[in-house]
């Protein structure tokens, strides 16, 4: 048998080692490709998740629905903040400022047809228009010691009957109100019975501020 020389044997070993290295590099390259595909798949999954979240978020901003207009009005005593020939701005007992339009139908007989001055305390009645604005119907000087000095009277239409919980729901103009009727409230028009206040009734509700306490509920259709 022919013997293989040492140099030749070493060459074979080097060649074999090089071949093994090439196979190892090729395997690693294949693994890298597989990792790349997994990353791409992850990116696609992330994009898909983002789109679903965006779609889910869209309905979270509901459109506010306006309250159906119901005839009503607001009355209170307060100081005049500003006045022009066509409007009057007053502060109410609840701390809010209201602007009332002045028209030819506004009763100003207590001022001899003129208008109150800035700073004057005025007893004002108004009606609410379909757009939510107010028009003054009566203007007259406030009287010292008037029991309604800290009250606001809302005239509106009940939207449900009063139950055992004594909760009153009504709409005045384009705003809805909810008050709990205390046992101390004057309910003379309903024989003292809160449950006698039914649905779709015209009521005049007097609220004492700043306590937000109902002091009376009357039947507005009888001029309460």
C-alpha atoms as a PDB file:
ATOM      1  CA  UNK A   1       0.000   0.000   0.000  1.00  0.00           C
ATOM      2  CA  UNK A   2       1.201   3.482  -0.885  1.00  0.00           C
ATOM      3  CA  UNK A   3       1.746   5.680   2.114  1.00  0.00           C
ATOM      4  CA  UNK A   4       0.409   9.250   2.169  1.00  0.00           C
ATOM      5  CA  UNK A   5       3.091  11.778   2.829  1.00  0.00           C
ATOM      6  CA  UNK A   6       2.723  14.104   5.806  1.00  0.00           C
ATOM      7  CA  UNK A   7       2.486  17.313   3.741  1.00  0.00           C
ATOM      8  CA  UNK A   8      -0.253  15.803   1.622  1.00  0.00           C
ATOM      9  CA  UNK A   9      -2.134  14.630   4.700  1.00  0.00           C
ATOM     10  CA  UNK A  10      -1.948  18.099   6.172  1.00  0.00           C
ATOM     11  CA  UNK A  11      -3.386  19.537   2.947  1.00  0.00           C
ATOM     12  CA  UNK A  12      -6.314  17.157   3.122  1.00  0.00           C
ATOM     13  CA  UNK A  13      -7.016  18.232   6.714  1.00  0.00           C
ATOM     14  CA  UNK A  14      -6.898  21.905   5.765  1.00  0.00           C
ATOM     15  CA  UNK A  15      -9.249  21.309   2.839  1.00  0.00           C
ATOM     16  CA  UNK A  16     -11.673  19.370   5.029  1.00  0.00           C
ATOM     17  CA  UNK A  17     -11.605  22.122   7.656  1.00  0.00           C
ATOM     18  CA  UNK A  18     -12.292  24.771   5.009  1.00  0.00           C
ATOM     19  CA  UNK A  19     -15.226  22.759   3.688  1.00  0.00           C
ATOM     20  CA  UNK A  20     -16.668  22.454   7.178  1.00  0.00           C
ATOM     21  CA  UNK A  21     -16.285  26.213   7.694  1.00  0.00           C
ATOM     22  CA  UNK A  22     -18.146  26.940   4.446  1.00  0.00           C
ATOM     23  CA  UNK A  23     -20.998  24.628   5.505  1.00  0.00           C
ATOM     24  CA  UNK A  24     -21.161  26.313   8.902  1.00  0.00           C
ATOM     25  CA  UNK A  25     -21.253  29.808   7.345  1.00  0.00           C
ATOM     26  CA  UNK A  26     -23.984  28.705   4.950  1.00  0.00           C
ATOM     27  CA  UNK A  27     -26.055  27.334   7.857  1.00  0.00           C
ATOM     28  CA  UNK A  28     -25.667  30.581   9.782  1.00  0.00           C
ATOM     29  CA  UNK A  29     -26.717  32.566   6.729  1.00  0.00           C
ATOM     30  CA  UNK A  30     -29.828  30.422   6.440  1.00  0.00           C
ATOM     31  CA  UNK A  31     -30.609  31.049  10.105  1.00  0.00           C
ATOM     32  CA  UNK A  32     -30.258  34.804   9.541  1.00  0.00           C
ATOM     33  CA  UNK A  33     -32.723  34.664   6.694  1.00  0.00           C
ATOM     34  CA  UNK A  34     -35.202  32.847   8.875  1.00  0.00           C
ATOM     35  CA  UNK A  35     -34.807  35.495  11.597  1.00  0.00           C
ATOM     36  CA  UNK A  36     -35.442  38.215   9.040  1.00  0.00           C
ATOM     37  CA  UNK A  37     -38.698  36.587   8.026  1.00  0.00           C
ATOM     38  CA  UNK A  38     -39.791  36.389  11.645  1.00  0.00           C
ATOM     39  CA  UNK A  39     -39.037  40.092  12.122  1.00  0.00           C
ATOM     40  CA  UNK A  40     -41.038  40.963   9.025  1.00  0.00           C
ATOM     41  CA  UNK A  41     -43.903  38.895  10.315  1.00  0.00           C
ATOM     42  CA  UNK A  42     -43.722  40.724  13.653  1.00  0.00           C
ATOM     43  CA  UNK A  43     -43.797  44.115  11.908  1.00  0.00           C
ATOM     44  CA  UNK A  44     -46.853  43.113   9.929  1.00  0.00           C
ATOM     45  CA  UNK A  45     -48.569  41.912  13.086  1.00  0.00           C
ATOM     46  CA  UNK A  46     -47.774  45.191  14.880  1.00  0.00           C
ATOM     47  CA  UNK A  47     -49.166  47.227  11.985  1.00  0.00           C
ATOM     48  CA  UNK A  48     -52.337  45.164  11.975  1.00  0.00           C
ATOM     49  CA  UNK A  49     -52.781  45.626  15.729  1.00  0.00           C
ATOM     50  CA  UNK A  50     -52.352  49.397  15.411  1.00  0.00           C
ATOM     51  CA  UNK A  51     -55.031  49.546  12.739  1.00  0.00           C
ATOM     52  CA  UNK A  52     -57.502  47.617  14.893  1.00  0.00           C
ATOM     53  CA  UNK A  53     -56.859  49.903  17.863  1.00  0.00           C
ATOM     54  CA  UNK A  54     -57.410  52.969  15.704  1.00  0.00           C
ATOM     55  CA  UNK A  55     -60.701  51.593  14.404  1.00  0.00           C
ATOM     56  CA  UNK A  56     -61.838  50.756  17.940  1.00  0.00           C
ATOM     57  CA  UNK A  57     -61.050  54.270  19.171  1.00  0.00           C
ATOM     58  CA  UNK A  58     -63.144  56.101  16.565  1.00  0.00           C
ATOM     59  CA  UNK A  59     -66.594  55.638  18.167  1.00  0.00           C
ATOM     60  CA  UNK A  60     -65.323  56.947  21.546  1.00  0.00           C
ATOM     61  CA  UNK A  61     -66.256  60.549  20.652  1.00  0.00           C
ATOM     62  CA  UNK A  62     -70.069  60.546  20.484  1.00  0.00           C
ATOM     63  CA  UNK A  63     -71.887  63.528  19.039  1.00  0.00           C
ATOM     64  CA  UNK A  64     -73.777  65.467  21.708  1.00  0.00           C
ATOM     65  CA  UNK A  65     -77.505  65.344  21.111  1.00  0.00           C
ATOM     66  CA  UNK A  66     -79.406  68.612  21.763  1.00  0.00           C
ATOM     67  CA  UNK A  67     -82.379  68.608  24.115  1.00  0.00           C
ATOM     68  CA  UNK A  68     -85.698  69.003  22.347  1.00  0.00           C
ATOM     69  CA  UNK A  69     -87.034  72.511  22.932  1.00  0.00           C
ATOM     70  CA  UNK A  70     -89.863  72.895  25.415  1.00  0.00           C
ATOM     71  CA  UNK A  71     -91.482  76.222  26.220  1.00  0.00           C
ATOM     72  CA  UNK A  72     -90.139  77.772  29.398  1.00  0.00           C
ATOM     73  CA  UNK A  73     -88.694  80.781  31.118  1.00  0.00           C
ATOM     74  CA  UNK A  74     -86.390  82.046  33.868  1.00  0.00           C
ATOM     75  CA  UNK A  75     -87.131  84.674  36.515  1.00  0.00           C
ATOM     76  CA  UNK A  76     -84.852  86.126  39.170  1.00  0.00           C
ATOM     77  CA  UNK A  77     -83.717  89.269  40.980  1.00  0.00           C
ATOM     78  CA  UNK A  78     -80.226  90.538  40.341  1.00  0.00           C
ATOM     79  CA  UNK A  79     -77.996  93.512  39.557  1.00  0.00           C
ATOM     80  CA  UNK A  80     -77.679  94.951  36.070  1.00  0.00           C
ATOM     81  CA  UNK A  81     -74.168  94.469  34.648  1.00  0.00           C
ATOM     82  CA  UNK A  82     -74.709  96.288  31.369  1.00  0.00           C
ATOM     83  CA  UNK A  83     -77.616  97.622  29.335  1.00  0.00           C
ATOM     84  CA  UNK A  84     -78.287  98.813  25.787  1.00  0.00           C
ATOM     85  CA  UNK A  85     -81.442  99.723  23.920  1.00  0.00           C
ATOM     86  CA  UNK A  86     -81.829  96.085  22.810  1.00  0.00           C
ATOM     87  CA  UNK A  87     -80.338  93.949  25.578  1.00  0.00           C
ATOM     88  CA  UNK A  88     -79.799  93.671  29.306  1.00  0.00           C
ATOM     89  CA  UNK A  89     -77.085  91.693  31.120  1.00  0.00           C
ATOM     90  CA  UNK A  90     -77.773  90.618  34.708  1.00  0.00           C
ATOM     91  CA  UNK A  91     -76.152  88.484  37.408  1.00  0.00           C
ATOM     92  CA  UNK A  92     -78.341  85.732  38.849  1.00  0.00           C
ATOM     93  CA  UNK A  93     -78.354  84.228  42.373  1.00  0.00           C
ATOM     94  CA  UNK A  94     -76.600  81.096  41.069  1.00  0.00           C
ATOM     95  CA  UNK A  95     -73.568  83.195  40.082  1.00  0.00           C
ATOM     96  CA  UNK A  96     -74.219  82.989  36.353  1.00  0.00           C
ATOM     97  CA  UNK A  97     -74.631  85.942  34.007  1.00  0.00           C
ATOM     98  CA  UNK A  98     -77.643  86.067  31.696  1.00  0.00           C
ATOM     99  CA  UNK A  99     -78.275  88.255  28.672  1.00  0.00           C
ATOM    100  CA  UNK A 100     -81.881  89.152  27.863  1.00  0.00           C
ATOM    101  CA  UNK A 101     -83.112  90.735  24.672  1.00  0.00           C
ATOM    102  CA  UNK A 102     -85.264  93.851  25.091  1.00  0.00           C
ATOM    103  CA  UNK A 103     -88.156  94.129  22.638  1.00  0.00           C
ATOM    104  CA  UNK A 104     -91.232  96.273  22.153  1.00  0.00           C
ATOM    105  CA  UNK A 105     -93.167  93.592  24.058  1.00  0.00           C
ATOM    106  CA  UNK A 106     -90.981  93.898  27.172  1.00  0.00           C
ATOM    107  CA  UNK A 107     -93.055  95.441  29.977  1.00  0.00           C
ATOM    108  CA  UNK A 108     -91.026  98.446  31.205  1.00  0.00           C
ATOM    109  CA  UNK A 109     -93.938 100.356  32.699  1.00  0.00           C
ATOM    110  CA  UNK A 110     -92.252 100.315  36.117  1.00  0.00           C
ATOM    111  CA  UNK A 111     -89.492 102.407  34.535  1.00  0.00           C
ATOM    112  CA  UNK A 112     -91.924 104.638  32.621  1.00  0.00           C
ATOM    113  CA  UNK A 113     -90.934 102.912  29.386  1.00  0.00           C
ATOM    114  CA  UNK A 114     -87.237 103.471  29.991  1.00  0.00           C
ATOM    115  CA  UNK A 115     -84.602 100.956  31.139  1.00  0.00           C
ATOM    116  CA  UNK A 116     -82.876 100.320  34.488  1.00  0.00           C
ATOM    117  CA  UNK A 117     -79.355 101.635  34.955  1.00  0.00           C
ATOM    118  CA  UNK A 118     -76.158  99.667  35.523  1.00  0.00           C
ATOM    119  CA  UNK A 119     -75.921  98.519  39.140  1.00  0.00           C
ATOM    120  CA  UNK A 120     -79.676  98.669  39.763  1.00  0.00           C
ATOM    121  CA  UNK A 121     -81.322  95.603  41.332  1.00  0.00           C
ATOM    122  CA  UNK A 122     -84.024  94.382  38.965  1.00  0.00           C
ATOM    123  CA  UNK A 123     -86.809  91.843  39.257  1.00  0.00           C
ATOM    124  CA  UNK A 124     -86.808  90.198  35.828  1.00  0.00           C
ATOM    125  CA  UNK A 125     -89.065  87.685  34.069  1.00  0.00           C
ATOM    126  CA  UNK A 126     -88.038  86.170  30.728  1.00  0.00           C
ATOM    127  CA  UNK A 127     -89.021  83.539  28.204  1.00  0.00           C
ATOM    128  CA  UNK A 128     -86.623  81.101  26.555  1.00  0.00           C
ATOM    129  CA  UNK A 129     -86.472  81.145  22.761  1.00  0.00           C
ATOM    130  CA  UNK A 130     -86.004  78.008  20.602  1.00  0.00           C
ATOM    131  CA  UNK A 131     -82.303  78.860  20.140  1.00  0.00           C
ATOM    132  CA  UNK A 132     -81.779  79.016  23.901  1.00  0.00           C
ATOM    133  CA  UNK A 133     -81.588  82.822  24.127  1.00  0.00           C
ATOM    134  CA  UNK A 134     -83.721  84.840  26.549  1.00  0.00           C
ATOM    135  CA  UNK A 135     -86.160  87.676  25.961  1.00  0.00           C
ATOM    136  CA  UNK A 136     -87.189  89.822  28.926  1.00  0.00           C
ATOM    137  CA  UNK A 137     -90.956  90.024  29.386  1.00  0.00           C
ATOM    138  CA  UNK A 138     -91.148  92.144  32.573  1.00  0.00           C
ATOM    139  CA  UNK A 139     -88.625  94.471  34.199  1.00  0.00           C
ATOM    140  CA  UNK A 140     -89.326  96.158  37.514  1.00  0.00           C
ATOM    141  CA  UNK A 141     -87.291  97.469  40.463  1.00  0.00           C
ATOM    142  CA  UNK A 142     -86.521  94.922  43.173  1.00  0.00           C
ATOM    143  CA  UNK A 143     -88.096  95.571  46.562  1.00  0.00           C
ATOM    144  CA  UNK A 144     -86.014  95.463  49.771  1.00  0.00           C
ATOM    145  CA  UNK A 145     -86.639  92.255  51.723  1.00  0.00           C
ATOM    146  CA  UNK A 146     -88.197  90.459  48.750  1.00  0.00           C
ATOM    147  CA  UNK A 147     -88.405  86.744  49.718  1.00  0.00           C
ATOM    148  CA  UNK A 148     -87.318  85.761  46.211  1.00  0.00           C
ATOM    149  CA  UNK A 149     -84.043  87.669  46.443  1.00  0.00           C
ATOM    150  CA  UNK A 150     -81.917  84.479  46.326  1.00  0.00           C
ATOM    151  CA  UNK A 151     -84.234  82.399  44.164  1.00  0.00           C
ATOM    152  CA  UNK A 152     -84.397  81.484  40.517  1.00  0.00           C
ATOM    153  CA  UNK A 153     -87.787  80.391  39.190  1.00  0.00           C
ATOM    154  CA  UNK A 154     -87.688  78.040  36.194  1.00  0.00           C
ATOM    155  CA  UNK A 155     -90.812  77.501  34.125  1.00  0.00           C
ATOM    156  CA  UNK A 156     -90.695  74.305  32.090  1.00  0.00           C
ATOM    157  CA  UNK A 157     -92.272  70.985  31.161  1.00  0.00           C
ATOM    158  CA  UNK A 158     -91.772  67.799  33.179  1.00  0.00           C
ATOM    159  CA  UNK A 159     -90.168  64.927  31.270  1.00  0.00           C
ATOM    160  CA  UNK A 160     -91.302  62.181  33.664  1.00  0.00           C
ATOM    161  CA  UNK A 161     -93.615  61.703  36.602  1.00  0.00           C
ATOM    162  CA  UNK A 162     -92.192  62.168  40.090  1.00  0.00           C
ATOM    163  CA  UNK A 163     -91.780  58.828  41.829  1.00  0.00           C
ATOM    164  CA  UNK A 164     -91.176  57.681  45.382  1.00  0.00           C
ATOM    165  CA  UNK A 165     -87.634  59.082  45.164  1.00  0.00           C
ATOM    166  CA  UNK A 166     -89.159  62.590  44.838  1.00  0.00           C
ATOM    167  CA  UNK A 167     -86.847  63.431  41.925  1.00  0.00           C
ATOM    168  CA  UNK A 168     -88.185  66.077  39.556  1.00  0.00           C
ATOM    169  CA  UNK A 169     -87.088  66.080  35.908  1.00  0.00           C
ATOM    170  CA  UNK A 170     -88.067  68.959  33.627  1.00  0.00           C
ATOM    171  CA  UNK A 171     -86.881  70.864  30.574  1.00  0.00           C
ATOM    172  CA  UNK A 172     -86.913  74.643  30.289  1.00  0.00           C
ATOM    173  CA  UNK A 173     -86.142  75.800  26.771  1.00  0.00           C
ATOM    174  CA  UNK A 174     -83.217  73.676  25.571  1.00  0.00           C
ATOM    175  CA  UNK A 175     -81.833  72.647  28.983  1.00  0.00           C
ATOM    176  CA  UNK A 176     -82.849  69.774  31.216  1.00  0.00           C
ATOM    177  CA  UNK A 177     -82.880  70.030  35.004  1.00  0.00           C
ATOM    178  CA  UNK A 178     -83.037  67.463  37.796  1.00  0.00           C
ATOM    179  CA  UNK A 179     -83.820  68.313  41.421  1.00  0.00           C
ATOM    180  CA  UNK A 180     -84.838  66.278  44.443  1.00  0.00           C
ATOM    181  CA  UNK A 181     -87.912  67.744  46.125  1.00  0.00           C
ATOM    182  CA  UNK A 182     -87.425  67.998  49.909  1.00  0.00           C
ATOM    183  CA  UNK A 183     -90.327  67.413  52.275  1.00  0.00           C
ATOM    184  CA  UNK A 184     -90.157  71.115  53.195  1.00  0.00           C
ATOM    185  CA  UNK A 185     -91.002  72.289  49.645  1.00  0.00           C
ATOM    186  CA  UNK A 186     -94.318  74.057  49.041  1.00  0.00           C
ATOM    187  CA  UNK A 187     -96.444  71.737  46.876  1.00  0.00           C
ATOM    188  CA  UNK A 188     -99.781  73.423  47.476  1.00  0.00           C
ATOM    189  CA  UNK A 189    -100.811  73.101  43.824  1.00  0.00           C
ATOM    190  CA  UNK A 190    -100.420  69.322  44.153  1.00  0.00           C
ATOM    191  CA  UNK A 191    -102.068  68.957  47.595  1.00  0.00           C
ATOM    192  CA  UNK A 192     -98.630  68.495  49.147  1.00  0.00           C
ATOM    193  CA  UNK A 193     -98.086  65.264  47.222  1.00  0.00           C
ATOM    194  CA  UNK A 194     -94.918  65.145  45.107  1.00  0.00           C
ATOM    195  CA  UNK A 195     -96.158  62.009  43.294  1.00  0.00           C
ATOM    196  CA  UNK A 196     -99.074  64.068  41.960  1.00  0.00           C
ATOM    197  CA  UNK A 197     -96.619  65.808  39.616  1.00  0.00           C
ATOM    198  CA  UNK A 198     -97.012  63.882  36.387  1.00  0.00           C
ATOM    199  CA  UNK A 199     -95.275  63.738  33.045  1.00  0.00           C
ATOM    200  CA  UNK A 200     -95.549  66.535  30.464  1.00  0.00           C
ATOM    201  CA  UNK A 201     -96.884  69.030  33.001  1.00  0.00           C
ATOM    202  CA  UNK A 202     -96.120  72.752  32.938  1.00  0.00           C
ATOM    203  CA  UNK A 203     -94.423  73.606  36.235  1.00  0.00           C
ATOM    204  CA  UNK A 204     -92.790  76.581  37.905  1.00  0.00           C
ATOM    205  CA  UNK A 205     -89.913  75.490  40.110  1.00  0.00           C
ATOM    206  CA  UNK A 206     -88.298  77.880  42.596  1.00  0.00           C
ATOM    207  CA  UNK A 207     -84.740  77.052  43.594  1.00  0.00           C
ATOM    208  CA  UNK A 208     -82.907  78.646  46.514  1.00  0.00           C
ATOM    209  CA  UNK A 209     -79.249  79.392  45.853  1.00  0.00           C
ATOM    210  CA  UNK A 210     -76.484  78.717  46.689  1.00  0.00           C
ATOM    211  CA  UNK A 211     -77.983  75.617  48.334  1.00  0.00           C
ATOM    212  CA  UNK A 212     -79.717  74.399  45.145  1.00  0.00           C
ATOM    213  CA  UNK A 213     -82.778  73.589  47.252  1.00  0.00           C
ATOM    214  CA  UNK A 214     -86.286  73.320  45.820  1.00  0.00           C
ATOM    215  CA  UNK A 215     -88.526  75.610  47.847  1.00  0.00           C
ATOM    216  CA  UNK A 216     -91.690  75.241  45.766  1.00  0.00           C
ATOM    217  CA  UNK A 217     -93.154  73.508  42.735  1.00  0.00           C
ATOM    218  CA  UNK A 218     -96.293  75.028  41.270  1.00  0.00           C
ATOM    219  CA  UNK A 219     -98.568  74.338  38.351  1.00  0.00           C
ATOM    220  CA  UNK A 220     -97.483  76.965  35.830  1.00  0.00           C
ATOM    221  CA  UNK A 221    -100.662  76.568  33.803  1.00  0.00           C
ATOM    222  CA  UNK A 222    -102.601  78.037  36.757  1.00  0.00           C
ATOM    223  CA  UNK A 223    -100.298  81.023  37.071  1.00  0.00           C
ATOM    224  CA  UNK A 224     -98.327  79.687  40.059  1.00  0.00           C
END
